Protein backbone atom coordinates (compact mmCIF):
# COMPACT_ATOMS: atom_id res chain seq x y z
CA MET A 1 -10.96 15.42 -81.06
CA LYS A 2 -13.16 18.46 -81.27
CA GLN A 3 -12.58 21.89 -79.80
CA ALA A 4 -14.89 21.10 -76.87
CA ASP A 5 -12.48 18.44 -75.65
CA ILE A 6 -9.83 21.06 -74.81
CA SER A 7 -12.30 23.03 -72.73
CA GLU A 8 -13.64 19.92 -71.00
CA ILE A 9 -10.24 18.52 -70.09
CA ALA A 10 -8.98 21.94 -68.97
CA SER A 11 -12.05 22.41 -66.78
CA ALA A 12 -11.61 18.96 -65.24
CA LEU A 13 -7.99 19.88 -64.44
CA GLY A 14 -9.07 23.16 -62.85
CA ILE A 15 -7.57 25.30 -65.62
CA PRO A 16 -9.85 28.14 -66.78
CA LEU A 17 -9.49 28.84 -70.50
CA ASP A 18 -11.42 31.45 -72.46
CA SER A 19 -12.37 31.14 -76.12
CA ALA A 20 -9.30 33.09 -77.27
CA GLN A 21 -6.97 30.72 -75.40
CA ILE A 22 -8.69 27.68 -76.84
CA ARG A 23 -8.40 29.20 -80.31
CA ARG A 24 -4.66 29.74 -79.80
CA LEU A 25 -4.19 26.15 -78.69
CA ILE A 26 -5.97 24.96 -81.83
CA ASP A 27 -3.86 27.30 -83.96
CA PHE A 28 -0.70 25.94 -82.32
CA GLU A 29 -1.89 22.42 -83.03
CA ALA A 30 -2.21 23.43 -86.69
CA LEU A 31 1.35 24.82 -86.67
CA LEU A 32 2.63 21.54 -85.28
CA ARG A 33 0.80 19.64 -87.99
CA GLU A 34 1.87 21.94 -90.83
CA ARG A 35 5.46 22.73 -89.80
CA ALA A 36 6.74 20.61 -86.93
CA ILE A 37 5.75 17.18 -88.26
CA PRO A 38 7.20 17.71 -91.78
CA SER A 39 10.41 19.03 -90.17
CA GLY A 40 10.75 16.00 -87.91
CA MET A 41 10.25 17.93 -84.66
CA VAL A 42 7.19 15.83 -83.87
CA ALA A 43 6.86 12.21 -84.97
CA ALA A 44 4.70 11.64 -88.04
CA SER A 45 3.03 8.79 -86.17
CA ASP A 46 1.58 11.39 -83.78
CA ALA A 47 -0.33 13.23 -86.52
CA SER A 48 -3.66 11.62 -85.63
CA ARG A 49 -3.25 12.19 -81.89
CA LEU A 50 -1.53 15.57 -81.67
CA ARG A 51 -4.12 17.03 -79.35
CA GLU A 52 -4.19 14.31 -76.71
CA ARG A 53 -0.55 13.28 -76.86
CA HIS A 54 0.97 16.77 -77.01
CA ILE A 55 -1.44 19.68 -76.45
CA LEU A 56 -3.49 18.21 -73.61
CA ASP A 57 -0.55 16.31 -72.17
CA SER A 58 1.38 19.59 -71.93
CA LEU A 59 -1.61 21.49 -70.57
CA ARG A 60 -1.93 19.36 -67.44
CA ALA A 61 1.20 21.01 -65.97
CA ALA A 62 -0.89 24.19 -65.57
CA ALA A 63 -3.23 22.49 -63.11
CA PRO A 64 -3.20 24.30 -59.74
CA THR A 65 -2.31 21.06 -57.92
CA VAL A 66 0.87 20.89 -60.00
CA LEU A 67 1.91 24.47 -60.69
CA GLY A 68 1.08 25.70 -57.20
CA GLN A 69 3.96 23.64 -55.83
CA GLY A 70 6.48 25.92 -57.53
CA ALA A 71 4.92 29.28 -58.32
CA PRO A 72 4.96 31.44 -55.17
CA ASN A 73 1.51 32.84 -55.92
CA GLY A 74 -0.04 29.68 -57.29
CA ARG A 75 -0.91 30.28 -60.94
CA GLU A 76 -0.09 34.00 -60.91
CA ALA A 77 2.91 35.73 -62.46
CA ALA A 78 5.36 32.83 -62.35
CA SER A 79 8.54 32.86 -64.40
CA MET A 80 8.97 29.58 -66.23
CA ALA A 81 11.63 27.91 -68.37
CA ASP A 82 10.95 25.08 -70.83
CA LEU A 83 14.24 23.18 -71.02
CA GLY A 84 15.01 21.69 -74.43
CA SER A 85 11.74 23.12 -75.74
CA GLY A 86 11.94 21.51 -79.18
CA ALA A 87 8.60 22.21 -80.85
CA GLY A 88 7.35 24.23 -77.88
CA LEU A 89 5.94 21.37 -75.86
CA PRO A 90 5.03 22.06 -73.13
CA GLY A 91 6.23 25.68 -73.10
CA ILE A 92 3.99 27.26 -75.73
CA VAL A 93 0.92 25.41 -74.48
CA LEU A 94 1.54 26.69 -70.94
CA ALA A 95 2.28 30.22 -72.14
CA ILE A 96 -1.16 30.23 -73.78
CA ALA A 97 -2.86 28.80 -70.70
CA LEU A 98 -1.01 31.09 -68.25
CA PRO A 99 -0.91 34.57 -69.81
CA ASP A 100 0.23 36.18 -66.54
CA SER A 101 3.33 34.00 -66.49
CA HIS A 102 6.47 34.66 -68.51
CA MET A 103 7.82 31.66 -70.39
CA THR A 104 11.40 31.23 -71.62
CA LEU A 105 11.73 28.56 -74.31
CA VAL A 106 15.24 27.12 -74.15
CA GLU A 107 16.40 25.44 -77.36
CA GLN A 108 19.93 25.12 -78.70
CA ARG A 109 19.09 23.68 -82.14
CA PRO A 110 18.73 26.63 -84.56
CA LYS A 111 15.98 25.12 -86.74
CA ARG A 112 13.83 24.33 -83.74
CA ALA A 113 14.49 27.73 -82.20
CA ALA A 114 13.37 29.27 -85.51
CA PHE A 115 10.11 27.32 -85.30
CA LEU A 116 9.59 28.61 -81.78
CA GLU A 117 10.15 32.19 -82.92
CA LEU A 118 7.67 31.64 -85.77
CA SER A 119 5.07 30.24 -83.37
CA VAL A 120 5.47 33.18 -80.98
CA ARG A 121 4.87 35.60 -83.88
CA GLU A 122 2.01 33.68 -85.46
CA LEU A 123 -0.08 33.02 -82.38
CA PRO A 124 0.93 35.77 -81.14
CA LEU A 125 2.38 35.49 -77.63
CA ASP A 126 3.86 38.48 -75.83
CA ASN A 127 4.73 36.54 -72.67
CA VAL A 128 7.34 34.32 -74.33
CA THR A 129 11.08 34.66 -74.90
CA VAL A 130 13.09 32.22 -77.02
CA PHE A 131 16.60 31.53 -75.72
CA THR A 132 18.76 29.93 -78.41
CA GLY A 133 21.36 28.01 -76.45
CA SER A 134 21.73 25.17 -74.00
CA ALA A 135 19.90 25.00 -70.72
CA GLU A 136 23.28 24.86 -69.01
CA SER A 137 24.26 28.22 -70.53
CA LEU A 138 21.06 29.96 -69.46
CA ALA A 139 22.03 30.39 -65.81
CA ALA A 140 24.93 32.69 -66.73
CA ALA A 141 22.71 34.67 -69.09
CA ARG A 142 20.15 35.19 -66.31
CA GLU A 143 22.79 36.57 -63.92
CA GLY A 144 21.46 34.67 -60.94
CA GLU A 145 17.76 35.47 -61.43
CA GLY A 146 16.02 32.17 -60.73
CA PHE A 147 12.89 30.78 -62.36
CA HIS A 148 9.90 29.79 -60.28
CA VAL A 149 9.29 26.73 -62.48
CA ALA A 150 11.42 24.72 -64.90
CA LEU A 151 9.82 22.21 -67.24
CA ALA A 152 11.35 19.07 -68.71
CA ARG A 153 9.48 17.00 -71.29
CA ALA A 154 11.44 14.59 -73.51
CA PHE A 155 14.58 16.34 -72.22
CA LYS A 156 16.82 14.10 -70.09
CA PRO A 157 16.37 11.30 -67.55
CA LEU A 158 15.03 12.43 -64.20
CA GLY A 159 18.27 12.77 -62.25
CA PRO A 160 20.22 14.61 -64.97
CA ALA A 161 17.21 16.86 -65.64
CA TRP A 162 17.25 17.96 -62.00
CA ASP A 163 21.00 18.58 -62.17
CA VAL A 164 20.45 20.96 -65.11
CA ALA A 165 17.36 22.62 -63.67
CA ALA A 166 18.56 23.21 -60.10
CA PRO A 167 20.99 26.06 -60.89
CA LEU A 168 18.22 27.84 -62.83
CA LEU A 169 15.63 27.74 -60.06
CA ALA A 170 14.77 30.32 -57.44
CA ALA A 171 15.19 29.11 -53.86
CA ASP A 172 11.50 28.13 -53.70
CA GLY A 173 11.23 27.01 -57.33
CA CYS A 174 10.52 23.56 -58.70
CA LEU A 175 11.11 21.31 -61.69
CA ILE A 176 8.03 19.77 -63.32
CA TYR A 177 9.23 16.62 -65.07
CA PHE A 178 7.06 14.75 -67.58
CA ALA A 179 7.74 11.07 -66.94
CA GLY A 180 6.96 8.52 -69.61
CA ALA A 181 3.83 6.40 -69.32
CA ALA A 182 5.98 3.33 -68.62
CA ALA A 183 8.41 5.09 -66.26
CA ALA A 184 9.39 3.31 -63.06
CA ILE A 185 8.98 6.25 -60.71
CA GLY A 186 11.32 6.11 -57.76
CA GLU A 187 14.33 4.51 -59.44
CA ASP A 188 15.97 7.71 -60.66
CA PHE A 189 15.17 10.32 -58.01
CA PRO A 190 17.93 12.68 -56.93
CA LYS A 191 19.10 11.29 -53.63
CA LYS A 192 19.71 14.24 -51.31
CA HIS A 193 18.17 17.57 -50.36
CA VAL A 194 15.29 17.22 -52.83
CA LYS A 195 11.60 16.82 -52.05
CA VAL A 196 9.58 14.93 -54.62
CA SER A 197 5.88 14.53 -55.33
CA VAL A 198 4.13 12.68 -58.14
CA GLU A 199 0.90 13.71 -59.88
CA ALA A 200 -0.93 11.18 -62.05
CA CYS A 201 -3.50 12.22 -64.66
CA PRO A 202 -6.25 9.62 -65.08
CA LEU A 203 -8.02 11.91 -67.56
CA LEU A 204 -5.36 11.16 -70.20
CA GLU A 205 -4.68 7.46 -70.50
CA SER A 206 -1.55 7.89 -72.61
CA SER A 207 0.14 10.33 -70.23
CA GLY A 208 2.71 9.36 -67.66
CA PRO A 209 2.90 11.02 -64.24
CA LEU A 210 4.30 14.47 -63.56
CA VAL A 211 7.16 14.47 -61.06
CA ILE A 212 7.59 17.73 -59.13
CA MET A 213 10.99 18.31 -57.53
CA ALA A 214 12.15 21.13 -55.29
CA ARG A 215 14.86 21.80 -52.73
CA LYS A 216 14.10 20.76 -49.17
């Protein structure tokens, strides 16, 4: 894919990106190729499709139709947590796309947390914090300050992901869950006191739906 594809997909999703943001996304793609794939953080089989499968797939969570369900002011000034961030997908992509939001990348594996720190320095991103620890331990570290949005991509199954995210969320916050392309949506929803909506993305054929969960 060429650089124009990022701009075109972002525009179709309703996500305004300037040239500096597009450049950062391309630079992050290069970091994934040069560091994350050789380290096993991203599958080597994804090398030829990094942009569509990871960068653009992550970016779609910044669409107003998705993010506006959790951030009190739509796309403005939301606090976000990427649970089990791994190689920074989707957290770093969204931190680039949403510079007025603050992103906490939550990763308990030291080597992956080190890659996240490197990416934050290299890009650079001043709206990102790396938390080296489990998502479960983050609530105590935050001292009750809830996030507007939690993100879960390749983290846990849907129900367990909600169980981890719920204590981290503000009262009006939400979990944005990246379901697999072959996921049977509806079989693993939390059963009580949770409202659920599903957002498909026909622009990206390989992407599964986004499931947005919040307290009723």
